[in-house]
């Protein structure tokens, strides 16, 4: 198990965390990641965002493997 995880962030989320790519201490689940981020960056509580785990949008909690790719995605629309 890795002692850190790498995430990439886009749009407003990247602005809030201060960068588009960042390492954080390892957490085991998506819910734990969200809780950690909400504590570290309280402004995230006001923003809706999606989490992609290994290029798949996650709508429920999921386990984060040590080699996982995690992306934080702001709301988007298409047309």
PDB file of N, CA and C in Angstrom:
ATOM      1  N   UNK A   1       0.841  -1.175   0.000  1.00  0.00           N
ATOM      2  CA  UNK A   1       0.000   0.000   0.000  1.00  0.00           C
ATOM      3  C   UNK A   1       0.889   1.242   0.000  1.00  0.00           C
ATOM      4  N   UNK A   2       0.486   2.220  -0.768  1.00  0.00           N
ATOM      5  CA  UNK A   2       1.232   3.474  -0.893  1.00  0.00           C
ATOM      6  C   UNK A   2       0.920   4.388   0.290  1.00  0.00           C
ATOM      7  N   UNK A   3       1.868   5.235   0.635  1.00  0.00           N
ATOM      8  CA  UNK A   3       1.632   6.171   1.721  1.00  0.00           C
ATOM      9  C   UNK A   3       1.005   7.471   1.226  1.00  0.00           C
ATOM     10  N   UNK A   4       0.850   7.595  -0.094  1.00  0.00           N
ATOM     11  CA  UNK A   4       0.189   8.772  -0.646  1.00  0.00           C
ATOM     12  C   UNK A   4      -0.575   8.398  -1.904  1.00  0.00           C
ATOM     13  N   UNK A   5      -1.518   9.275  -2.259  1.00  0.00           N
ATOM     14  CA  UNK A   5      -2.263   9.093  -3.507  1.00  0.00           C
ATOM     15  C   UNK A   5      -2.121  10.359  -4.329  1.00  0.00           C
ATOM     16  N   UNK A   6      -2.177  10.208  -5.624  1.00  0.00           N
ATOM     17  CA  UNK A   6      -2.083  11.344  -6.532  1.00  0.00           C
ATOM     18  C   UNK A   6      -3.445  11.607  -7.139  1.00  0.00           C
ATOM     19  N   UNK A   7      -3.823  12.878  -7.149  1.00  0.00           N
ATOM     20  CA  UNK A   7      -5.075  13.247  -7.796  1.00  0.00           C
ATOM     21  C   UNK A   7      -4.800  14.339  -8.819  1.00  0.00           C
ATOM     22  N   UNK A   8      -5.676  14.412  -9.800  1.00  0.00           N
ATOM     23  CA  UNK A   8      -5.662  15.537 -10.720  1.00  0.00           C
ATOM     24  C   UNK A   8      -7.008  16.231 -10.569  1.00  0.00           C
ATOM     25  N   UNK A   9      -6.980  17.539 -10.684  1.00  0.00           N
ATOM     26  CA  UNK A   9      -8.194  18.327 -10.493  1.00  0.00           C
ATOM     27  C   UNK A   9      -8.374  19.268 -11.669  1.00  0.00           C
ATOM     28  N   UNK A  10      -9.610  19.602 -11.939  1.00  0.00           N
ATOM     29  CA  UNK A  10      -9.932  20.444 -13.079  1.00  0.00           C
ATOM     30  C   UNK A  10     -10.790  21.622 -12.638  1.00  0.00           C
ATOM     31  N   UNK A  11     -10.733  22.694 -13.418  1.00  0.00           N
ATOM     32  CA  UNK A  11     -11.610  23.846 -13.229  1.00  0.00           C
ATOM     33  C   UNK A  11     -11.546  24.435 -11.835  1.00  0.00           C
ATOM     34  N   UNK A  12     -12.714  24.725 -11.291  1.00  0.00           N
ATOM     35  CA  UNK A  12     -12.834  25.363  -9.981  1.00  0.00           C
ATOM     36  C   UNK A  12     -12.163  24.533  -8.888  1.00  0.00           C
ATOM     37  N   UNK A  13     -12.213  23.218  -9.009  1.00  0.00           N
ATOM     38  CA  UNK A  13     -11.612  22.346  -8.004  1.00  0.00           C
ATOM     39  C   UNK A  13     -10.105  22.575  -7.949  1.00  0.00           C
ATOM     40  N   UNK A  14      -9.462  22.678  -9.100  1.00  0.00           N
ATOM     41  CA  UNK A  14      -8.020  22.948  -9.142  1.00  0.00           C
ATOM     42  C   UNK A  14      -7.709  24.306  -8.519  1.00  0.00           C
ATOM     43  N   UNK A  15      -8.565  25.285  -8.755  1.00  0.00           N
ATOM     44  CA  UNK A  15      -8.370  26.608  -8.151  1.00  0.00           C
ATOM     45  C   UNK A  15      -8.429  26.521  -6.626  1.00  0.00           C
ATOM     46  N   UNK A  16      -9.359  25.763  -6.107  1.00  0.00           N
ATOM     47  CA  UNK A  16      -9.525  25.655  -4.657  1.00  0.00           C
ATOM     48  C   UNK A  16      -8.326  24.960  -4.013  1.00  0.00           C
ATOM     49  N   UNK A  17      -7.848  23.875  -4.623  1.00  0.00           N
ATOM     50  CA  UNK A  17      -6.730  23.158  -3.998  1.00  0.00           C
ATOM     51  C   UNK A  17      -5.372  23.744  -4.389  1.00  0.00           C
ATOM     52  N   UNK A  18      -5.382  24.693  -5.320  1.00  0.00           N
ATOM     53  CA  UNK A  18      -4.160  25.420  -5.642  1.00  0.00           C
ATOM     54  C   UNK A  18      -3.291  24.824  -6.728  1.00  0.00           C
ATOM     55  N   UNK A  19      -3.729  23.740  -7.336  1.00  0.00           N
ATOM     56  CA  UNK A  19      -2.946  23.099  -8.394  1.00  0.00           C
ATOM     57  C   UNK A  19      -3.811  22.075  -9.117  1.00  0.00           C
ATOM     58  N   UNK A  20      -3.370  21.663 -10.300  1.00  0.00           N
ATOM     59  CA  UNK A  20      -4.135  20.658 -11.042  1.00  0.00           C
ATOM     60  C   UNK A  20      -3.675  19.233 -10.739  1.00  0.00           C
ATOM     61  N   UNK A  21      -2.556  19.093 -10.052  1.00  0.00           N
ATOM     62  CA  UNK A  21      -2.045  17.768  -9.712  1.00  0.00           C
ATOM     63  C   UNK A  21      -1.397  17.841  -8.335  1.00  0.00           C
ATOM     64  N   UNK A  22      -1.781  16.929  -7.461  1.00  0.00           N
ATOM     65  CA  UNK A  22      -1.270  17.004  -6.100  1.00  0.00           C
ATOM     66  C   UNK A  22      -1.303  15.631  -5.431  1.00  0.00           C
ATOM     67  N   UNK A  23      -0.359  15.400  -4.536  1.00  0.00           N
ATOM     68  CA  UNK A  23      -0.330  14.179  -3.734  1.00  0.00           C
ATOM     69  C   UNK A  23      -0.919  14.464  -2.364  1.00  0.00           C
ATOM     70  N   UNK A  24      -1.627  13.473  -1.827  1.00  0.00           N
ATOM     71  CA  UNK A  24      -2.209  13.567  -0.502  1.00  0.00           C
ATOM     72  C   UNK A  24      -1.920  12.266   0.234  1.00  0.00           C
ATOM     73  N   UNK A  25      -2.023  12.285   1.569  1.00  0.00           N
ATOM     74  CA  UNK A  25      -1.842  11.038   2.318  1.00  0.00           C
ATOM     75  C   UNK A  25      -2.851   9.992   1.841  1.00  0.00           C
ATOM     76  N   UNK A  26      -2.428   8.744   1.846  1.00  0.00           N
ATOM     77  CA  UNK A  26      -3.285   7.665   1.386  1.00  0.00           C
ATOM     78  C   UNK A  26      -4.539   7.559   2.236  1.00  0.00           C
ATOM     79  N   UNK A  27      -5.667   7.404   1.583  1.00  0.00           N
ATOM     80  CA  UNK A  27      -6.938   7.065   2.220  1.00  0.00           C
ATOM     81  C   UNK A  27      -7.499   5.860   1.483  1.00  0.00           C
ATOM     82  N   UNK A  28      -8.273   5.041   2.170  1.00  0.00           N
ATOM     83  CA  UNK A  28      -8.695   3.759   1.616  1.00  0.00           C
ATOM     84  C   UNK A  28      -9.922   3.815   0.723  1.00  0.00           C
ATOM     85  N   UNK A  29     -10.755   4.857   0.887  1.00  0.00           N
ATOM     86  CA  UNK A  29     -12.009   4.906   0.135  1.00  0.00           C
ATOM     87  C   UNK A  29     -12.270   6.305  -0.417  1.00  0.00           C
ATOM     88  N   UNK A  30     -13.181   6.371  -1.370  1.00  0.00           N
ATOM     89  CA  UNK A  30     -13.584   7.655  -1.942  1.00  0.00           C
ATOM     90  C   UNK A  30     -14.230   8.532  -0.867  1.00  0.00           C
ATOM     91  N   UNK A  31     -15.068   7.962  -0.011  1.00  0.00           N
ATOM     92  CA  UNK A  31     -15.692   8.756   1.048  1.00  0.00           C
ATOM     93  C   UNK A  31     -14.654   9.343   1.996  1.00  0.00           C
ATOM     94  N   UNK A  32     -13.629   8.561   2.337  1.00  0.00           N
ATOM     95  CA  UNK A  32     -12.561   9.073   3.196  1.00  0.00           C
ATOM     96  C   UNK A  32     -11.807  10.203   2.496  1.00  0.00           C
ATOM     97  N   UNK A  33     -11.604  10.070   1.194  1.00  0.00           N
ATOM     98  CA  UNK A  33     -10.932  11.117   0.424  1.00  0.00           C
ATOM     99  C   UNK A  33     -11.744  12.409   0.470  1.00  0.00           C
ATOM    100  N   UNK A  34     -13.049  12.307   0.228  1.00  0.00           N
ATOM    101  CA  UNK A  34     -13.904  13.496   0.262  1.00  0.00           C
ATOM    102  C   UNK A  34     -13.902  14.158   1.635  1.00  0.00           C
ATOM    103  N   UNK A  35     -13.969  13.346   2.690  1.00  0.00           N
ATOM    104  CA  UNK A  35     -13.928  13.898   4.043  1.00  0.00           C
ATOM    105  C   UNK A  35     -12.605  14.619   4.293  1.00  0.00           C
ATOM    106  N   UNK A  36     -11.505  14.011   3.889  1.00  0.00           N
ATOM    107  CA  UNK A  36     -10.180  14.613   4.051  1.00  0.00           C
ATOM    108  C   UNK A  36     -10.103  15.939   3.302  1.00  0.00           C
ATOM    109  N   UNK A  37     -10.562  15.945   2.049  1.00  0.00           N
ATOM    110  CA  UNK A  37     -10.501  17.159   1.240  1.00  0.00           C
ATOM    111  C   UNK A  37     -11.382  18.269   1.817  1.00  0.00           C
ATOM    112  N   UNK A  38     -12.550  17.905   2.340  1.00  0.00           N
ATOM    113  CA  UNK A  38     -13.447  18.901   2.929  1.00  0.00           C
ATOM    114  C   UNK A  38     -12.840  19.553   4.166  1.00  0.00           C
ATOM    115  N   UNK A  39     -12.042  18.800   4.918  1.00  0.00           N
ATOM    116  CA  UNK A  39     -11.375  19.361   6.089  1.00  0.00           C
ATOM    117  C   UNK A  39     -10.212  20.252   5.655  1.00  0.00           C
ATOM    118  N   UNK A  40      -9.420  19.762   4.710  1.00  0.00           N
ATOM    119  CA  UNK A  40      -8.241  20.506   4.251  1.00  0.00           C
ATOM    120  C   UNK A  40      -8.629  21.747   3.443  1.00  0.00           C
ATOM    121  N   UNK A  41      -9.704  21.637   2.664  1.00  0.00           N
ATOM    122  CA  UNK A  41     -10.165  22.731   1.804  1.00  0.00           C
ATOM    123  C   UNK A  41     -11.662  22.959   2.047  1.00  0.00           C
ATOM    124  N   UNK A  42     -12.011  23.664   3.115  1.00  0.00           N
ATOM    125  CA  UNK A  42     -13.427  23.845   3.478  1.00  0.00           C
ATOM    126  C   UNK A  42     -14.289  24.414   2.352  1.00  0.00           C
ATOM    127  N   UNK A  43     -13.696  25.189   1.447  1.00  0.00           N
ATOM    128  CA  UNK A  43     -14.461  25.762   0.338  1.00  0.00           C
ATOM    129  C   UNK A  43     -15.037  24.673  -0.578  1.00  0.00           C
ATOM    130  N   UNK A  44     -14.420  23.493  -0.582  1.00  0.00           N
ATOM    131  CA  UNK A  44     -14.934  22.389  -1.404  1.00  0.00           C
ATOM    132  C   UNK A  44     -16.336  21.968  -0.978  1.00  0.00           C
ATOM    133  N   UNK A  45     -16.688  22.205   0.280  1.00  0.00           N
ATOM    134  CA  UNK A  45     -18.026  21.839   0.755  1.00  0.00           C
ATOM    135  C   UNK A  45     -19.111  22.579  -0.009  1.00  0.00           C
ATOM    136  N   UNK A  46     -18.779  23.747  -0.557  1.00  0.00           N
ATOM    137  CA  UNK A  46     -19.744  24.573  -1.279  1.00  0.00           C
ATOM    138  C   UNK A  46     -19.846  24.221  -2.761  1.00  0.00           C
ATOM    139  N   UNK A  47     -18.952  23.346  -3.228  1.00  0.00           N
ATOM    140  CA  UNK A  47     -18.862  23.048  -4.654  1.00  0.00           C
ATOM    141  C   UNK A  47     -19.246  21.594  -4.906  1.00  0.00           C
ATOM    142  N   UNK A  48     -20.109  21.391  -5.878  1.00  0.00           N
ATOM    143  CA  UNK A  48     -20.416  20.022  -6.277  1.00  0.00           C
ATOM    144  C   UNK A  48     -19.339  19.573  -7.252  1.00  0.00           C
ATOM    145  N   UNK A  49     -18.858  18.362  -7.054  1.00  0.00           N
ATOM    146  CA  UNK A  49     -17.858  17.820  -7.975  1.00  0.00           C
ATOM    147  C   UNK A  49     -17.991  16.303  -8.028  1.00  0.00           C
ATOM    148  N   UNK A  50     -17.524  15.754  -9.112  1.00  0.00           N
ATOM    149  CA  UNK A  50     -17.551  14.308  -9.298  1.00  0.00           C
ATOM    150  C   UNK A  50     -16.145  13.761  -9.114  1.00  0.00           C
ATOM    151  N   UNK A  51     -16.080  12.494  -8.759  1.00  0.00           N
ATOM    152  CA  UNK A  51     -14.800  11.818  -8.611  1.00  0.00           C
ATOM    153  C   UNK A  51     -14.737  10.697  -9.636  1.00  0.00           C
ATOM    154  N   UNK A  52     -13.640  10.664 -10.379  1.00  0.00           N
ATOM    155  CA  UNK A  52     -13.394   9.562 -11.306  1.00  0.00           C
ATOM    156  C   UNK A  52     -12.264   8.718 -10.731  1.00  0.00           C
ATOM    157  N   UNK A  53     -12.485   7.434 -10.692  1.00  0.00           N
ATOM    158  CA  UNK A  53     -11.496   6.477 -10.209  1.00  0.00           C
ATOM    159  C   UNK A  53     -11.133   5.586 -11.379  1.00  0.00           C
ATOM    160  N   UNK A  54      -9.880   5.659 -11.787  1.00  0.00           N
ATOM    161  CA  UNK A  54      -9.416   4.902 -12.957  1.00  0.00           C
ATOM    162  C   UNK A  54     -10.302   5.157 -14.181  1.00  0.00           C
ATOM    163  N   UNK A  55     -10.580   6.441 -14.409  1.00  0.00           N
ATOM    164  CA  UNK A  55     -11.316   6.939 -15.578  1.00  0.00           C
ATOM    165  C   UNK A  55     -12.799   6.571 -15.597  1.00  0.00           C
ATOM    166  N   UNK A  56     -13.356   6.157 -14.454  1.00  0.00           N
ATOM    167  CA  UNK A  56     -14.780   5.849 -14.360  1.00  0.00           C
ATOM    168  C   UNK A  56     -15.391   6.717 -13.272  1.00  0.00           C
ATOM    169  N   UNK A  57     -16.499   7.385 -13.599  1.00  0.00           N
ATOM    170  CA  UNK A  57     -17.181   8.203 -12.600  1.00  0.00           C
ATOM    171  C   UNK A  57     -17.702   7.321 -11.475  1.00  0.00           C
ATOM    172  N   UNK A  58     -17.487   7.773 -10.254  1.00  0.00           N
ATOM    173  CA  UNK A  58     -17.899   7.029  -9.072  1.00  0.00           C
ATOM    174  C   UNK A  58     -19.090   7.747  -8.437  1.00  0.00           C
ATOM    175  N   UNK A  59     -20.186   7.033  -8.250  1.00  0.00           N
ATOM    176  CA  UNK A  59     -21.368   7.636  -7.644  1.00  0.00           C
ATOM    177  C   UNK A  59     -21.618   7.101  -6.235  1.00  0.00           C
ATOM    178  N   UNK A  60     -20.889   6.071  -5.841  1.00  0.00           N
ATOM    179  CA  UNK A  60     -20.982   5.529  -4.493  1.00  0.00           C
ATOM    180  C   UNK A  60     -19.567   5.394  -3.948  1.00  0.00           C
ATOM    181  N   UNK A  61     -19.443   4.963  -2.726  1.00  0.00           N
ATOM    182  CA  UNK A  61     -18.123   4.779  -2.145  1.00  0.00           C
ATOM    183  C   UNK A  61     -17.403   3.638  -2.865  1.00  0.00           C
ATOM    184  N   UNK A  62     -16.090   3.720  -2.930  1.00  0.00           N
ATOM    185  CA  UNK A  62     -15.291   2.678  -3.570  1.00  0.00           C
ATOM    186  C   UNK A  62     -13.920   2.640  -2.913  1.00  0.00           C
ATOM    187  N   UNK A  63     -13.289   1.483  -2.980  1.00  0.00           N
ATOM    188  CA  UNK A  63     -11.949   1.306  -2.443  1.00  0.00           C
ATOM    189  C   UNK A  63     -10.933   1.916  -3.395  1.00  0.00           C
ATOM    190  N   UNK A  64      -9.953   2.589  -2.827  1.00  0.00           N
ATOM    191  CA  UNK A  64      -8.870   3.179  -3.618  1.00  0.00           C
ATOM    192  C   UNK A  64      -7.652   2.269  -3.528  1.00  0.00           C
ATOM    193  N   UNK A  65      -7.271   1.708  -4.652  1.00  0.00           N
ATOM    194  CA  UNK A  65      -6.060   0.885  -4.702  1.00  0.00           C
ATOM    195  C   UNK A  65      -4.840   1.791  -4.747  1.00  0.00           C
ATOM    196  N   UNK A  66      -3.699   1.271  -4.359  1.00  0.00           N
ATOM    197  CA  UNK A  66      -2.470   2.064  -4.284  1.00  0.00           C
ATOM    198  C   UNK A  66      -2.101   2.696  -5.624  1.00  0.00           C
ATOM    199  N   UNK A  67      -2.382   2.037  -6.727  1.00  0.00           N
ATOM    200  CA  UNK A  67      -1.991   2.551  -8.039  1.00  0.00           C
ATOM    201  C   UNK A  67      -3.124   3.277  -8.767  1.00  0.00           C
ATOM    202  N   UNK A  68      -4.179   3.616  -8.054  1.00  0.00           N
ATOM    203  CA  UNK A  68      -5.362   4.211  -8.677  1.00  0.00           C
ATOM    204  C   UNK A  68      -5.088   5.603  -9.236  1.00  0.00           C
ATOM    205  N   UNK A  69      -5.798   5.935 -10.294  1.00  0.00           N
ATOM    206  CA  UNK A  69      -5.809   7.281 -10.852  1.00  0.00           C
ATOM    207  C   UNK A  69      -7.099   7.944 -10.394  1.00  0.00           C
ATOM    208  N   UNK A  70      -6.974   9.101  -9.745  1.00  0.00           N
ATOM    209  CA  UNK A  70      -8.140   9.795  -9.215  1.00  0.00           C
ATOM    210  C   UNK A  70      -8.214  11.183  -9.821  1.00  0.00           C
ATOM    211  N   UNK A  71      -9.400  11.544 -10.305  1.00  0.00           N
ATOM    212  CA  UNK A  71      -9.618  12.876 -10.863  1.00  0.00           C
ATOM    213  C   UNK A  71     -10.816  13.508 -10.168  1.00  0.00           C
ATOM    214  N   UNK A  72     -10.694  14.794  -9.878  1.00  0.00           N
ATOM    215  CA  UNK A  72     -11.793  15.572  -9.300  1.00  0.00           C
ATOM    216  C   UNK A  72     -12.335  16.469 -10.401  1.00  0.00           C
ATOM    217  N   UNK A  73     -13.602  16.307 -10.719  1.00  0.00           N
ATOM    218  CA  UNK A  73     -14.206  16.959 -11.868  1.00  0.00           C
ATOM    219  C   UNK A  73     -15.312  17.920 -11.451  1.00  0.00           C
ATOM    220  N   UNK A  74     -15.224  19.172 -11.878  1.00  0.00           N
ATOM    221  CA  UNK A  74     -16.299  20.119 -11.571  1.00  0.00           C
ATOM    222  C   UNK A  74     -17.532  19.791 -12.410  1.00  0.00           C
ATOM    223  N   UNK A  75     -18.668  20.382 -12.063  1.00  0.00           N
ATOM    224  CA  UNK A  75     -19.859  20.169 -12.887  1.00  0.00           C
ATOM    225  C   UNK A  75     -19.594  20.620 -14.326  1.00  0.00           C
ATOM    226  N   UNK A  76     -20.182  19.928 -15.257  1.00  0.00           N
ATOM    227  CA  UNK A  76     -20.005  20.301 -16.656  1.00  0.00           C
ATOM    228  C   UNK A  76     -21.317  20.057 -17.382  1.00  0.00           C
ATOM    229  N   UNK A  77     -21.447  20.733 -18.503  1.00  0.00           N
ATOM    230  CA  UNK A  77     -22.634  20.523 -19.320  1.00  0.00           C
ATOM    231  C   UNK A  77     -22.211  20.460 -20.769  1.00  0.00           C
ATOM    232  N   UNK A  78     -23.008  19.839 -21.544  1.00  0.00           N
ATOM    233  CA  UNK A  78     -22.695  19.714 -22.964  1.00  0.00           C
ATOM    234  C   UNK A  78     -23.902  20.105 -23.786  1.00  0.00           C
ATOM    235  N   UNK A  79     -23.692  20.196 -25.052  1.00  0.00           N
ATOM    236  CA  UNK A  79     -24.826  20.593 -25.849  1.00  0.00           C
ATOM    237  C   UNK A  79     -24.578  20.486 -27.234  1.00  0.00           C
TER     238      UNK A  79
END
